[in-house]
PDB file of N, CA and C in Angstrom:
ATOM      1  N   MET A   1     -13.839  22.530   7.869  1.00  0.00           N
ATOM      2  CA  MET A   1     -12.700  21.648   7.659  1.00  0.00           C
ATOM      3  C   MET A   1     -12.893  20.372   8.479  1.00  0.00           C
ATOM      4  N   ALA A   2     -12.808  19.259   7.805  1.00  0.00           N
ATOM      5  CA  ALA A   2     -13.022  17.974   8.464  1.00  0.00           C
ATOM      6  C   ALA A   2     -11.790  17.566   9.269  1.00  0.00           C
ATOM      7  N   ASN A   3     -12.021  16.701  10.217  1.00  0.00           N
ATOM      8  CA  ASN A   3     -10.943  16.198  11.060  1.00  0.00           C
ATOM      9  C   ASN A   3     -10.123  15.162  10.298  1.00  0.00           C
ATOM     10  N   LYS A   4      -8.803  15.258  10.370  1.00  0.00           N
ATOM     11  CA  LYS A   4      -7.933  14.281   9.717  1.00  0.00           C
ATOM     12  C   LYS A   4      -7.462  13.259  10.736  1.00  0.00           C
ATOM     13  N   ASN A   5      -7.360  12.018  10.282  1.00  0.00           N
ATOM     14  CA  ASN A   5      -6.918  10.925  11.136  1.00  0.00           C
ATOM     15  C   ASN A   5      -5.576  10.397  10.660  1.00  0.00           C
ATOM     16  N   SER A   6      -4.873   9.724  11.559  1.00  0.00           N
ATOM     17  CA  SER A   6      -3.604   9.076  11.199  1.00  0.00           C
ATOM     18  C   SER A   6      -3.875   7.632  10.810  1.00  0.00           C
ATOM     19  N   TYR A   7      -3.235   7.198   9.722  1.00  0.00           N
ATOM     20  CA  TYR A   7      -3.406   5.839   9.220  1.00  0.00           C
ATOM     21  C   TYR A   7      -2.055   5.222   8.910  1.00  0.00           C
ATOM     22  N   GLU A   8      -2.070   3.904   8.866  1.00  0.00           N
ATOM     23  CA  GLU A   8      -0.898   3.130   8.469  1.00  0.00           C
ATOM     24  C   GLU A   8      -1.401   2.101   7.458  1.00  0.00           C
ATOM     25  N   THR A   9      -0.747   2.021   6.310  1.00  0.00           N
ATOM     26  CA  THR A   9      -1.135   1.056   5.291  1.00  0.00           C
ATOM     27  C   THR A   9       0.071   0.215   4.896  1.00  0.00           C
ATOM     28  N   MET A  10      -0.119  -1.104   4.951  1.00  0.00           N
ATOM     29  CA  MET A  10       0.906  -2.040   4.509  1.00  0.00           C
ATOM     30  C   MET A  10       0.456  -2.627   3.180  1.00  0.00           C
ATOM     31  N   PHE A  11       1.342  -2.566   2.197  1.00  0.00           N
ATOM     32  CA  PHE A  11       1.091  -3.178   0.896  1.00  0.00           C
ATOM     33  C   PHE A  11       2.040  -4.360   0.735  1.00  0.00           C
ATOM     34  N   ILE A  12       1.557  -5.434   0.130  1.00  0.00           N
ATOM     35  CA  ILE A  12       2.417  -6.535  -0.304  1.00  0.00           C
ATOM     36  C   ILE A  12       2.184  -6.682  -1.798  1.00  0.00           C
ATOM     37  N   PHE A  13       3.224  -6.402  -2.566  1.00  0.00           N
ATOM     38  CA  PHE A  13       3.125  -6.433  -4.022  1.00  0.00           C
ATOM     39  C   PHE A  13       3.675  -7.738  -4.574  1.00  0.00           C
ATOM     40  N   SER A  14       3.113  -8.168  -5.695  1.00  0.00           N
ATOM     41  CA  SER A  14       3.574  -9.359  -6.396  1.00  0.00           C
ATOM     42  C   SER A  14       4.880  -9.056  -7.119  1.00  0.00           C
ATOM     43  N   LEU A  15       5.772 -10.026  -7.130  1.00  0.00           N
ATOM     44  CA  LEU A  15       7.049  -9.884  -7.843  1.00  0.00           C
ATOM     45  C   LEU A  15       7.011 -10.554  -9.214  1.00  0.00           C
ATOM     46  N   ASN A  16       5.845 -11.052  -9.633  1.00  0.00           N
ATOM     47  CA  ASN A  16       5.734 -11.755 -10.920  1.00  0.00           C
ATOM     48  C   ASN A  16       6.117 -10.896 -12.115  1.00  0.00           C
ATOM     49  N   ASN A  17       5.820  -9.606 -12.068  1.00  0.00           N
ATOM     50  CA  ASN A  17       6.101  -8.721 -13.197  1.00  0.00           C
ATOM     51  C   ASN A  17       7.425  -7.978 -13.050  1.00  0.00           C
ATOM     52  N   GLY A  18       8.224  -8.329 -12.062  1.00  0.00           N
ATOM     53  CA  GLY A  18       9.525  -7.698 -11.860  1.00  0.00           C
ATOM     54  C   GLY A  18       9.454  -6.526 -10.901  1.00  0.00           C
ATOM     55  N   GLU A  19      10.645  -6.118 -10.460  1.00  0.00           N
ATOM     56  CA  GLU A  19      10.704  -5.033  -9.474  1.00  0.00           C
ATOM     57  C   GLU A  19      10.391  -3.668 -10.079  1.00  0.00           C
ATOM     58  N   GLU A  20      10.540  -3.515 -11.397  1.00  0.00           N
ATOM     59  CA  GLU A  20      10.160  -2.240 -12.028  1.00  0.00           C
ATOM     60  C   GLU A  20       8.656  -2.025 -11.916  1.00  0.00           C
ATOM     61  N   ALA A  21       7.877  -3.087 -12.087  1.00  0.00           N
ATOM     62  CA  ALA A  21       6.420  -2.998 -11.945  1.00  0.00           C
ATOM     63  C   ALA A  21       6.048  -2.660 -10.502  1.00  0.00           C
ATOM     64  N   VAL A  22       6.794  -3.213  -9.555  1.00  0.00           N
ATOM     65  CA  VAL A  22       6.554  -2.914  -8.134  1.00  0.00           C
ATOM     66  C   VAL A  22       6.802  -1.429  -7.877  1.00  0.00           C
ATOM     67  N   GLN A  23       7.898  -0.896  -8.403  1.00  0.00           N
ATOM     68  CA  GLN A  23       8.210   0.524  -8.203  1.00  0.00           C
ATOM     69  C   GLN A  23       7.134   1.423  -8.819  1.00  0.00           C
ATOM     70  N   THR A  24       6.581   1.012  -9.955  1.00  0.00           N
ATOM     71  CA  THR A  24       5.501   1.765 -10.587  1.00  0.00           C
ATOM     72  C   THR A  24       4.275   1.799  -9.678  1.00  0.00           C
ATOM     73  N   LEU A  25       3.940   0.659  -9.086  1.00  0.00           N
ATOM     74  CA  LEU A  25       2.801   0.604  -8.165  1.00  0.00           C
ATOM     75  C   LEU A  25       3.053   1.434  -6.910  1.00  0.00           C
ATOM     76  N   ILE A  26       4.277   1.378  -6.392  1.00  0.00           N
ATOM     77  CA  ILE A  26       4.625   2.176  -5.208  1.00  0.00           C
ATOM     78  C   ILE A  26       4.415   3.661  -5.499  1.00  0.00           C
ATOM     79  N   GLU A  27       4.911   4.113  -6.647  1.00  0.00           N
ATOM     80  CA  GLU A  27       4.747   5.528  -7.018  1.00  0.00           C
ATOM     81  C   GLU A  27       3.272   5.883  -7.179  1.00  0.00           C
ATOM     82  N   LYS A  28       2.488   4.973  -7.763  1.00  0.00           N
ATOM     83  CA  LYS A  28       1.062   5.217  -7.969  1.00  0.00           C
ATOM     84  C   LYS A  28       0.356   5.427  -6.630  1.00  0.00           C
ATOM     85  N   PHE A  29       0.576   4.518  -5.688  1.00  0.00           N
ATOM     86  CA  PHE A  29      -0.122   4.619  -4.406  1.00  0.00           C
ATOM     87  C   PHE A  29       0.414   5.754  -3.545  1.00  0.00           C
ATOM     88  N   LYS A  30       1.711   6.006  -3.611  1.00  0.00           N
ATOM     89  CA  LYS A  30       2.273   7.129  -2.853  1.00  0.00           C
ATOM     90  C   LYS A  30       1.698   8.450  -3.359  1.00  0.00           C
ATOM     91  N   ALA A  31       1.578   8.599  -4.686  1.00  0.00           N
ATOM     92  CA  ALA A  31       0.998   9.818  -5.267  1.00  0.00           C
ATOM     93  C   ALA A  31      -0.473   9.960  -4.879  1.00  0.00           C
ATOM     94  N   LEU A  32      -1.195   8.854  -4.858  1.00  0.00           N
ATOM     95  CA  LEU A  32      -2.610   8.886  -4.470  1.00  0.00           C
ATOM     96  C   LEU A  32      -2.762   9.330  -3.019  1.00  0.00           C
ATOM     97  N   ILE A  33      -1.910   8.810  -2.142  1.00  0.00           N
ATOM     98  CA  ILE A  33      -1.964   9.191  -0.732  1.00  0.00           C
ATOM     99  C   ILE A  33      -1.579  10.661  -0.565  1.00  0.00           C
ATOM    100  N   GLU A  34      -0.532  11.109  -1.265  1.00  0.00           N
ATOM    101  CA  GLU A  34      -0.114  12.513  -1.168  1.00  0.00           C
ATOM    102  C   GLU A  34      -1.187  13.456  -1.683  1.00  0.00           C
ATOM    103  N   LYS A  35      -1.935  13.040  -2.698  1.00  0.00           N
ATOM    104  CA  LYS A  35      -3.000  13.869  -3.267  1.00  0.00           C
ATOM    105  C   LYS A  35      -4.147  14.044  -2.269  1.00  0.00           C
ATOM    106  N   ASN A  36      -4.411  13.004  -1.457  1.00  0.00           N
ATOM    107  CA  ASN A  36      -5.551  13.017  -0.548  1.00  0.00           C
ATOM    108  C   ASN A  36      -5.187  13.207   0.915  1.00  0.00           C
ATOM    109  N   GLY A  37      -3.908  13.367   1.213  1.00  0.00           N
ATOM    110  CA  GLY A  37      -3.480  13.536   2.598  1.00  0.00           C
ATOM    111  C   GLY A  37      -2.025  13.942   2.655  1.00  0.00           C
ATOM    112  N   ALA A  38      -1.403  13.675   3.793  1.00  0.00           N
ATOM    113  CA  ALA A  38       0.002  14.028   3.989  1.00  0.00           C
ATOM    114  C   ALA A  38       0.768  12.793   4.457  1.00  0.00           C
ATOM    115  N   VAL A  39       1.791  12.425   3.698  1.00  0.00           N
ATOM    116  CA  VAL A  39       2.624  11.281   4.059  1.00  0.00           C
ATOM    117  C   VAL A  39       3.539  11.689   5.201  1.00  0.00           C
ATOM    118  N   GLU A  40       3.513  10.915   6.285  1.00  0.00           N
ATOM    119  CA  GLU A  40       4.373  11.183   7.437  1.00  0.00           C
ATOM    120  C   GLU A  40       5.679  10.412   7.346  1.00  0.00           C
ATOM    121  N   SER A  41       5.583   9.127   6.972  1.00  0.00           N
ATOM    122  CA  SER A  41       6.794   8.320   6.839  1.00  0.00           C
ATOM    123  C   SER A  41       6.526   7.141   5.910  1.00  0.00           C
ATOM    124  N   VAL A  42       7.605   6.649   5.332  1.00  0.00           N
ATOM    125  CA  VAL A  42       7.557   5.510   4.424  1.00  0.00           C
ATOM    126  C   VAL A  42       8.623   4.525   4.869  1.00  0.00           C
ATOM    127  N   ASP A  43       8.271   3.257   4.909  1.00  0.00           N
ATOM    128  CA  ASP A  43       9.223   2.218   5.284  1.00  0.00           C
ATOM    129  C   ASP A  43       9.204   1.147   4.204  1.00  0.00           C
ATOM    130  N   ASP A  44      10.243   1.108   3.386  1.00  0.00           N
ATOM    131  CA  ASP A  44      10.354   0.161   2.282  1.00  0.00           C
ATOM    132  C   ASP A  44      11.059  -1.088   2.797  1.00  0.00           C
ATOM    133  N   TRP A  45      10.306  -2.145   3.062  1.00  0.00           N
ATOM    134  CA  TRP A  45      10.876  -3.370   3.618  1.00  0.00           C
ATOM    135  C   TRP A  45      11.517  -4.231   2.547  1.00  0.00           C
ATOM    136  N   GLY A  46      11.128  -4.034   1.308  1.00  0.00           N
ATOM    137  CA  GLY A  46      11.714  -4.796   0.216  1.00  0.00           C
ATOM    138  C   GLY A  46      11.144  -6.196   0.079  1.00  0.00           C
ATOM    139  N   LYS A  47      11.909  -7.046  -0.604  1.00  0.00           N
ATOM    140  CA  LYS A  47      11.474  -8.408  -0.898  1.00  0.00           C
ATOM    141  C   LYS A  47      11.642  -9.287   0.337  1.00  0.00           C
ATOM    142  N   ARG A  48      10.548 -10.004   0.692  1.00  0.00           N
ATOM    143  CA  ARG A  48      10.577 -10.903   1.846  1.00  0.00           C
ATOM    144  C   ARG A  48       9.775 -12.159   1.548  1.00  0.00           C
ATOM    145  N   LYS A  49      10.124 -13.196   2.269  1.00  0.00           N
ATOM    146  CA  LYS A  49       9.399 -14.458   2.153  1.00  0.00           C
ATOM    147  C   LYS A  49       8.056 -14.301   2.860  1.00  0.00           C
ATOM    148  N   LEU A  50       6.987 -14.797   2.230  1.00  0.00           N
ATOM    149  CA  LEU A  50       5.662 -14.752   2.829  1.00  0.00           C
ATOM    150  C   LEU A  50       5.508 -15.881   3.850  1.00  0.00           C
ATOM    151  N   ALA A  51       4.694 -15.667   4.850  1.00  0.00           N
ATOM    152  CA  ALA A  51       4.448 -16.699   5.858  1.00  0.00           C
ATOM    153  C   ALA A  51       3.747 -17.910   5.232  1.00  0.00           C
ATOM    154  N   TYR A  52       2.926 -17.645   4.231  1.00  0.00           N
ATOM    155  CA  TYR A  52       2.252 -18.705   3.472  1.00  0.00           C
ATOM    156  C   TYR A  52       2.084 -18.203   2.041  1.00  0.00           C
ATOM    157  N   GLU A  53       1.932 -19.117   1.109  1.00  0.00           N
ATOM    158  CA  GLU A  53       1.820 -18.714  -0.290  1.00  0.00           C
ATOM    159  C   GLU A  53       0.504 -17.992  -0.540  1.00  0.00           C
ATOM    160  N   ILE A  54       0.587 -16.920  -1.318  1.00  0.00           N
ATOM    161  CA  ILE A  54      -0.575 -16.171  -1.758  1.00  0.00           C
ATOM    162  C   ILE A  54      -0.549 -16.223  -3.283  1.00  0.00           C
ATOM    163  N   GLU A  55      -1.625 -16.740  -3.879  1.00  0.00           N
ATOM    164  CA  GLU A  55      -1.694 -16.868  -5.338  1.00  0.00           C
ATOM    165  C   GLU A  55      -0.465 -17.593  -5.888  1.00  0.00           C
ATOM    166  N   ASP A  56      -0.058 -18.668  -5.222  1.00  0.00           N
ATOM    167  CA  ASP A  56       1.091 -19.507  -5.616  1.00  0.00           C
ATOM    168  C   ASP A  56       2.419 -18.755  -5.606  1.00  0.00           C
ATOM    169  N   GLN A  57       2.529 -17.706  -4.807  1.00  0.00           N
ATOM    170  CA  GLN A  57       3.775 -16.949  -4.710  1.00  0.00           C
ATOM    171  C   GLN A  57       4.322 -17.083  -3.284  1.00  0.00           C
ATOM    172  N   ALA A  58       5.626 -17.316  -3.194  1.00  0.00           N
ATOM    173  CA  ALA A  58       6.267 -17.502  -1.894  1.00  0.00           C
ATOM    174  C   ALA A  58       6.932 -16.226  -1.388  1.00  0.00           C
ATOM    175  N   GLU A  59       7.125 -15.235  -2.270  1.00  0.00           N
ATOM    176  CA  GLU A  59       7.756 -13.970  -1.879  1.00  0.00           C
ATOM    177  C   GLU A  59       6.881 -12.800  -2.299  1.00  0.00           C
ATOM    178  N   GLY A  60       7.034 -11.697  -1.572  1.00  0.00           N
ATOM    179  CA  GLY A  60       6.325 -10.470  -1.901  1.00  0.00           C
ATOM    180  C   GLY A  60       7.191  -9.284  -1.563  1.00  0.00           C
ATOM    181  N   TYR A  61       6.793  -8.113  -2.074  1.00  0.00           N
ATOM    182  CA  TYR A  61       7.522  -6.876  -1.819  1.00  0.00           C
ATOM    183  C   TYR A  61       6.683  -6.059  -0.830  1.00  0.00           C
ATOM    184  N   TYR A  62       7.232  -5.820   0.359  1.00  0.00           N
ATOM    185  CA  TYR A  62       6.515  -5.138   1.438  1.00  0.00           C
ATOM    186  C   TYR A  62       6.809  -3.634   1.420  1.00  0.00           C
ATOM    187  N   TYR A  63       5.736  -2.844   1.618  1.00  0.00           N
ATOM    188  CA  TYR A  63       5.871  -1.391   1.611  1.00  0.00           C
ATOM    189  C   TYR A  63       4.873  -0.821   2.623  1.00  0.00           C
ATOM    190  N   LEU A  64       5.370  -0.031   3.591  1.00  0.00           N
ATOM    191  CA  LEU A  64       4.551   0.520   4.668  1.00  0.00           C
ATOM    192  C   LEU A  64       4.527   2.044   4.566  1.00  0.00           C
ATOM    193  N   VAL A  65       3.320   2.633   4.655  1.00  0.00           N
ATOM    194  CA  VAL A  65       3.163   4.085   4.581  1.00  0.00           C
ATOM    195  C   VAL A  65       2.354   4.566   5.772  1.00  0.00           C
ATOM    196  N   ASN A  66       2.848   5.570   6.471  1.00  0.00           N
ATOM    197  CA  ASN A  66       2.120   6.248   7.547  1.00  0.00           C
ATOM    198  C   ASN A  66       1.707   7.614   7.021  1.00  0.00           C
ATOM    199  N   TYR A  67       0.429   7.978   7.223  1.00  0.00           N
ATOM    200  CA  TYR A  67      -0.064   9.231   6.659  1.00  0.00           C
ATOM    201  C   TYR A  67      -1.279   9.728   7.436  1.00  0.00           C
ATOM    202  N   THR A  68      -1.640  10.990   7.186  1.00  0.00           N
ATOM    203  CA  THR A  68      -2.881  11.548   7.711  1.00  0.00           C
ATOM    204  C   THR A  68      -3.779  11.847   6.521  1.00  0.00           C
ATOM    205  N   ALA A  69      -5.090  11.637   6.717  1.00  0.00           N
ATOM    206  CA  ALA A  69      -6.045  11.866   5.641  1.00  0.00           C
ATOM    207  C   ALA A  69      -7.438  12.026   6.222  1.00  0.00           C
ATOM    208  N   GLU A  70      -8.358  12.453   5.362  1.00  0.00           N
ATOM    209  CA  GLU A  70      -9.765  12.555   5.747  1.00  0.00           C
ATOM    210  C   GLU A  70     -10.299  11.154   6.046  1.00  0.00           C
ATOM    211  N   PRO A  71     -11.309  11.024   6.907  1.00  0.00           N
ATOM    212  CA  PRO A  71     -11.845   9.705   7.267  1.00  0.00           C
ATOM    213  C   PRO A  71     -12.408   8.911   6.082  1.00  0.00           C
ATOM    214  N   GLU A  72     -12.803   9.568   4.998  1.00  0.00           N
ATOM    215  CA  GLU A  72     -13.377   8.886   3.844  1.00  0.00           C
ATOM    216  C   GLU A  72     -12.317   8.249   2.950  1.00  0.00           C
ATOM    217  N   PHE A  73     -11.074   8.706   3.028  1.00  0.00           N
ATOM    218  CA  PHE A  73     -10.043   8.265   2.088  1.00  0.00           C
ATOM    219  C   PHE A  73      -9.661   6.789   2.191  1.00  0.00           C
ATOM    220  N   PRO A  74      -9.504   6.187   3.375  1.00  0.00           N
ATOM    221  CA  PRO A  74      -9.098   4.774   3.423  1.00  0.00           C
ATOM    222  C   PRO A  74     -10.022   3.831   2.649  1.00  0.00           C
ATOM    223  N   ALA A  75     -11.321   4.080   2.667  1.00  0.00           N
ATOM    224  CA  ALA A  75     -12.251   3.235   1.910  1.00  0.00           C
ATOM    225  C   ALA A  75     -11.979   3.349   0.413  1.00  0.00           C
ATOM    226  N   GLU A  76     -11.697   4.558  -0.057  1.00  0.00           N
ATOM    227  CA  GLU A  76     -11.377   4.759  -1.477  1.00  0.00           C
ATOM    228  C   GLU A  76     -10.042   4.101  -1.825  1.00  0.00           C
ATOM    229  N   LEU A  77      -9.059   4.215  -0.940  1.00  0.00           N
ATOM    230  CA  LEU A  77      -7.762   3.572  -1.168  1.00  0.00           C
ATOM    231  C   LEU A  77      -7.936   2.056  -1.260  1.00  0.00           C
ATOM    232  N   GLU A  78      -8.712   1.473  -0.357  1.00  0.00           N
ATOM    233  CA  GLU A  78      -8.939   0.028  -0.396  1.00  0.00           C
ATOM    234  C   GLU A  78      -9.658  -0.388  -1.673  1.00  0.00           C
ATOM    235  N   ARG A  79     -10.577   0.445  -2.158  1.00  0.00           N
ATOM    236  CA  ARG A  79     -11.282   0.144  -3.401  1.00  0.00           C
ATOM    237  C   ARG A  79     -10.312   0.113  -4.576  1.00  0.00           C
ATOM    238  N   ILE A  80      -9.430   1.100  -4.649  1.00  0.00           N
ATOM    239  CA  ILE A  80      -8.466   1.183  -5.744  1.00  0.00           C
ATOM    240  C   ILE A  80      -7.456   0.038  -5.664  1.00  0.00           C
ATOM    241  N   VAL A  81      -7.000  -0.285  -4.456  1.00  0.00           N
ATOM    242  CA  VAL A  81      -6.071  -1.408  -4.270  1.00  0.00           C
ATOM    243  C   VAL A  81      -6.730  -2.703  -4.733  1.00  0.00           C
ATOM    244  N   GLY A  82      -8.008  -2.865  -4.428  1.00  0.00           N
ATOM    245  CA  GLY A  82      -8.730  -4.079  -4.779  1.00  0.00           C
ATOM    246  C   GLY A  82      -8.860  -4.328  -6.271  1.00  0.00           C
ATOM    247  N   ILE A  83      -8.837  -3.266  -7.071  1.00  0.00           N
ATOM    248  CA  ILE A  83      -8.978  -3.420  -8.520  1.00  0.00           C
ATOM    249  C   ILE A  83      -7.652  -3.272  -9.256  1.00  0.00           C
ATOM    250  N   THR A  84      -6.558  -3.202  -8.516  1.00  0.00           N
ATOM    251  CA  THR A  84      -5.232  -3.037  -9.114  1.00  0.00           C
ATOM    252  C   THR A  84      -4.512  -4.379  -9.167  1.00  0.00           C
ATOM    253  N   ASP A  85      -4.089  -4.764 -10.366  1.00  0.00           N
ATOM    254  CA  ASP A  85      -3.294  -5.989 -10.517  1.00  0.00           C
ATOM    255  C   ASP A  85      -1.915  -5.769  -9.924  1.00  0.00           C
ATOM    256  N   GLY A  86      -1.367  -6.804  -9.328  1.00  0.00           N
ATOM    257  CA  GLY A  86      -0.015  -6.714  -8.773  1.00  0.00           C
ATOM    258  C   GLY A  86       0.033  -6.524  -7.275  1.00  0.00           C
ATOM    259  N   VAL A  87      -1.130  -6.337  -6.645  1.00  0.00           N
ATOM    260  CA  VAL A  87      -1.172  -6.196  -5.185  1.00  0.00           C
ATOM    261  C   VAL A  87      -1.661  -7.523  -4.613  1.00  0.00           C
ATOM    262  N   LEU A  88      -0.813  -8.175  -3.816  1.00  0.00           N
ATOM    263  CA  LEU A  88      -1.202  -9.445  -3.198  1.00  0.00           C
ATOM    264  C   LEU A  88      -2.113  -9.212  -1.995  1.00  0.00           C
ATOM    265  N   ARG A  89      -1.713  -8.299  -1.122  1.00  0.00           N
ATOM    266  CA  ARG A  89      -2.484  -7.984   0.079  1.00  0.00           C
ATOM    267  C   ARG A  89      -2.222  -6.523   0.463  1.00  0.00           C
ATOM    268  N   SER A  90      -3.183  -5.970   1.203  1.00  0.00           N
ATOM    269  CA  SER A  90      -2.978  -4.649   1.805  1.00  0.00           C
ATOM    270  C   SER A  90      -3.811  -4.594   3.075  1.00  0.00           C
ATOM    271  N   LEU A  91      -3.398  -3.715   3.979  1.00  0.00           N
ATOM    272  CA  LEU A  91      -4.113  -3.538   5.235  1.00  0.00           C
ATOM    273  C   LEU A  91      -4.007  -2.084   5.655  1.00  0.00           C
ATOM    274  N   VAL A  92      -5.166  -1.468   5.924  1.00  0.00           N
ATOM    275  CA  VAL A  92      -5.213  -0.085   6.385  1.00  0.00           C
ATOM    276  C   VAL A  92      -5.609  -0.108   7.855  1.00  0.00           C
ATOM    277  N   ILE A  93      -4.821   0.565   8.676  1.00  0.00           N
ATOM    278  CA  ILE A  93      -5.090   0.632  10.115  1.00  0.00           C
ATOM    279  C   ILE A  93      -5.195   2.092  10.535  1.00  0.00           C
ATOM    280  N   LYS A  94      -6.254   2.420  11.267  1.00  0.00           N
ATOM    281  CA  LYS A  94      -6.369   3.760  11.841  1.00  0.00           C
ATOM    282  C   LYS A  94      -5.613   3.761  13.145  1.00  0.00           C
ATOM    283  N   LYS A  95      -4.689   4.692  13.296  1.00  0.00           N
ATOM    284  CA  LYS A  95      -3.876   4.761  14.511  1.00  0.00           C
ATOM    285  C   LYS A  95      -4.635   5.441  15.628  1.00  0.00           C
TER     286      LYS A  95
END
C-alpha cells in the first residue's frame, strides 16, 4: 500500500457558459478526486473578481478542495484540468 499525501487544489472556473456549466465542472472534478482519493473538505468561494483579467474575463468562480491521494494523482489531475474547457486556472499544493 502506497503512502497517501494531503493536497489542496484551487480551481478558477470561467463564467462564460453560465453557472450551470460551472456546477457540472465542479461535480466532474469532485467525482474524479473522490475516485482517486478521499475528500477532506470543500470550500465553495463562489463568484469573485479576478486580480487581473484572464482570457478577457474579469470574474471567475473559485472552488477549493482539500483531499488525500496517492502521490501520482496530482499530475493526472493537472493533465485533465489542462485539457478541460471552462477552467481558467488551477493550482495543486502538497500540504
